Amino acid sequence: VIDELAGSRMAMMNIELRMPLLGFLTGDLDYGRQVPIELIAFADAGALWTKHGDSADRTQFRSIGAGGRANLGGFVIEITAARPFDRTPVGWKVGVLVRPGW
């Protein structure tokens, strides 16, 4: 289905919550420098359609997920797991991202 997408209009929304790992465990949400690790929870939604199409022609995509992000020596390493709702096969997808800076 993803390889067959077509449209000239797009709408997207993302809600993301981040919190420091130690702050989450101790109840103090202070971003300390001892352990530079964040927890992430998110929800995404999007729609794709054409200008002259009706509402039945809209393609929707929705997902939820969680993960963690660490700053290790100037490199950000992020591991996330997301569960798409409008895609087959159904199930959790895991992603790993490494990039410079924070």
Protein backbone atom coordinates (compact mmCIF):
# COMPACT_ATOMS: atom_id res chain seq x y z
CA VAL A 1 0.00 0.00 0.00
CA ILE A 2 2.77 2.47 0.85
CA ASP A 3 4.34 2.09 -2.61
CA GLU A 4 1.02 3.08 -4.23
CA LEU A 5 0.41 6.41 -2.44
CA ALA A 6 -0.58 9.39 -4.55
CA GLY A 7 -1.92 12.81 -3.64
CA SER A 8 -1.30 16.51 -3.76
CA ARG A 9 -2.45 17.40 -0.23
CA MET A 10 -1.04 16.25 3.08
CA ALA A 11 -1.75 16.88 6.77
CA MET A 12 0.35 15.61 9.67
CA MET A 13 0.28 15.76 13.46
CA ASN A 14 2.76 14.58 16.08
CA ILE A 15 2.48 14.58 19.86
CA GLU A 16 5.65 13.77 21.75
CA LEU A 17 6.49 13.57 25.45
CA ARG A 18 10.09 13.53 26.64
CA MET A 19 11.48 13.18 30.13
CA PRO A 20 14.89 12.50 31.69
CA LEU A 21 15.40 8.89 32.77
CA LEU A 22 16.68 9.71 36.27
CA GLY A 23 14.00 12.36 36.75
CA PHE A 24 11.31 9.88 35.77
CA LEU A 25 12.61 7.30 38.25
CA THR A 26 13.03 9.77 41.15
CA GLY A 27 10.06 12.06 40.48
CA ASP A 28 12.32 15.09 39.97
CA LEU A 29 12.09 16.15 36.31
CA ASP A 30 15.37 18.07 36.36
CA TYR A 31 17.58 17.46 33.32
CA GLY A 32 20.80 16.48 35.05
CA ARG A 33 24.16 15.92 33.40
CA GLN A 34 25.01 12.70 35.23
CA VAL A 35 22.99 10.43 32.93
CA PRO A 36 22.06 12.16 29.63
CA ILE A 37 19.26 9.73 28.70
CA GLU A 38 15.68 10.71 27.78
CA LEU A 39 12.55 8.59 27.57
CA ILE A 40 10.20 9.29 24.65
CA ALA A 41 6.50 8.53 24.06
CA PHE A 42 4.77 9.67 20.87
CA ALA A 43 1.68 9.46 18.66
CA ASP A 44 1.61 10.35 14.96
CA ALA A 45 -1.20 10.79 12.46
CA GLY A 46 -1.29 11.82 8.83
CA ALA A 47 -3.59 11.99 5.84
CA LEU A 48 -2.96 12.16 2.10
CA TRP A 49 -5.51 13.16 -0.56
CA THR A 50 -5.96 14.92 -3.90
CA LYS A 51 -7.54 18.33 -4.46
CA HIS A 52 -10.64 17.08 -6.27
CA GLY A 53 -11.08 13.77 -4.43
CA ASP A 54 -13.83 13.09 -1.91
CA SER A 55 -13.30 12.10 1.72
CA ALA A 56 -13.39 8.39 0.78
CA ASP A 57 -10.18 8.87 -1.23
CA ARG A 58 -8.17 10.02 1.81
CA THR A 59 -5.43 7.71 3.00
CA GLN A 60 -4.78 7.79 6.75
CA PHE A 61 -1.71 6.76 8.69
CA ARG A 62 -1.58 6.53 12.49
CA SER A 63 0.97 5.16 14.94
CA ILE A 64 2.09 5.20 18.56
CA GLY A 65 5.47 4.44 20.02
CA ALA A 66 8.10 4.82 22.71
CA GLY A 67 11.84 4.81 23.01
CA GLY A 68 14.98 6.26 24.49
CA ARG A 69 17.63 8.76 23.46
CA ALA A 70 21.16 9.05 24.84
CA ASN A 71 23.93 11.60 24.29
CA LEU A 72 27.15 9.59 24.32
CA GLY A 73 30.31 11.58 23.71
CA GLY A 74 28.62 14.07 21.40
CA PHE A 75 26.67 11.46 19.42
CA VAL A 76 22.94 10.95 19.84
CA ILE A 77 21.80 7.33 19.82
CA GLU A 78 18.06 6.83 19.65
CA ILE A 79 16.15 3.55 19.81
CA THR A 80 12.40 3.62 19.22
CA ALA A 81 9.58 1.13 18.75
CA ALA A 82 6.45 2.19 16.85
CA ARG A 83 3.20 0.40 16.13
CA PRO A 84 1.48 1.56 12.93
CA PHE A 85 -2.30 1.04 12.85
CA ASP A 86 -3.03 1.54 9.13
CA ARG A 87 -0.36 -0.65 7.57
CA THR A 88 0.17 -4.32 6.90
CA PRO A 89 1.75 -6.38 8.24
CA VAL A 90 0.55 -5.26 11.64
CA GLY A 91 3.09 -5.22 14.44
CA TRP A 92 5.81 -3.23 16.13
CA LYS A 93 8.69 -1.74 14.13
CA VAL A 94 12.03 -0.95 15.80
CA GLY A 95 14.31 1.85 14.63
CA VAL A 96 17.86 2.85 15.56
CA LEU A 97 19.29 6.31 14.78
CA VAL A 98 22.84 7.59 15.31
CA ARG A 99 23.67 11.25 14.58
CA PRO A 100 26.08 13.95 15.78
CA GLY A 101 25.08 16.66 18.24
CA TRP A 102 22.09 17.02 20.56
